[in-house]
């Protein structure tokens, strides 16, 4: 109880639940200001929509992330027919998302924000009581990273990913896992990591994709066979084209020589 009282004062006077021994103690809370108001508005909506609890819980904990992962796979598959730049961006979208989640971890521990169930014991909490900190939301980071990554090379698919991501972010607040600032901040962090990272890796990554296109791994980075055909070097098609162009000239020269010999 003494710990809860001390945390209550430290986090702005909001009541805190007792934490088991050995659990990291939060140093901040989103239970104040506009963030608290928006959270409680969504929480009230959740109370009045009991029929939505099951689907939203499933989406916010599992299926939302699965759909975002599916967007990455679809984006990569389509990019294979759009050239090395698009493939490089598609591959970075996936790798950058993983890196963005990693970047979010030290920020999470530095901010050390209490989960809503810790700061607002009377709120409706559909999510399980996890003891990791609340800001930024890993789900928000993933949403921002995937949307930004796909936006680089496929704007239409990015629109679909944005809808999926926004619904996931809303769902995390709906089930009581995060405050609105947690998911919004996570989205910004994820998008920033992917966009800034792409500026750094785009040239070497594109070169790597172009190199892979001339190896047996070509199906991973390009649709269709190599320009020279299966089993032929990439430059063989150009050589064949030059040979085809030179053939008429050779034939004309031979005909001219024969005509000259007849006249003599």
Foldseek 3Di string as FASTA:
>chain_A
DVVQCVQCVQAPNFGFDDDDPPFDDFRYELCDDPLVVVLVVLLVVLVVCVVCLVVLVCLLPPVLLVVLVVLLVVQCLVQQAVALLSNLLSVLLVVLLVVLLVVQVVVQVVNRYDAQCGRPVPTQAQDDDDRGGAAADNLLLNLLSSLLSSCVRPVVSSVVSNVSSVSNLSSCSNNRGHTNCNSVVSNVSNNVSSVVVCVVCSVVSSVVLVVCCQDPNVVSRHPDHAPLDPPDGNCVVVVVVVVVVCVVVVVVVVVVVVVVVVVD
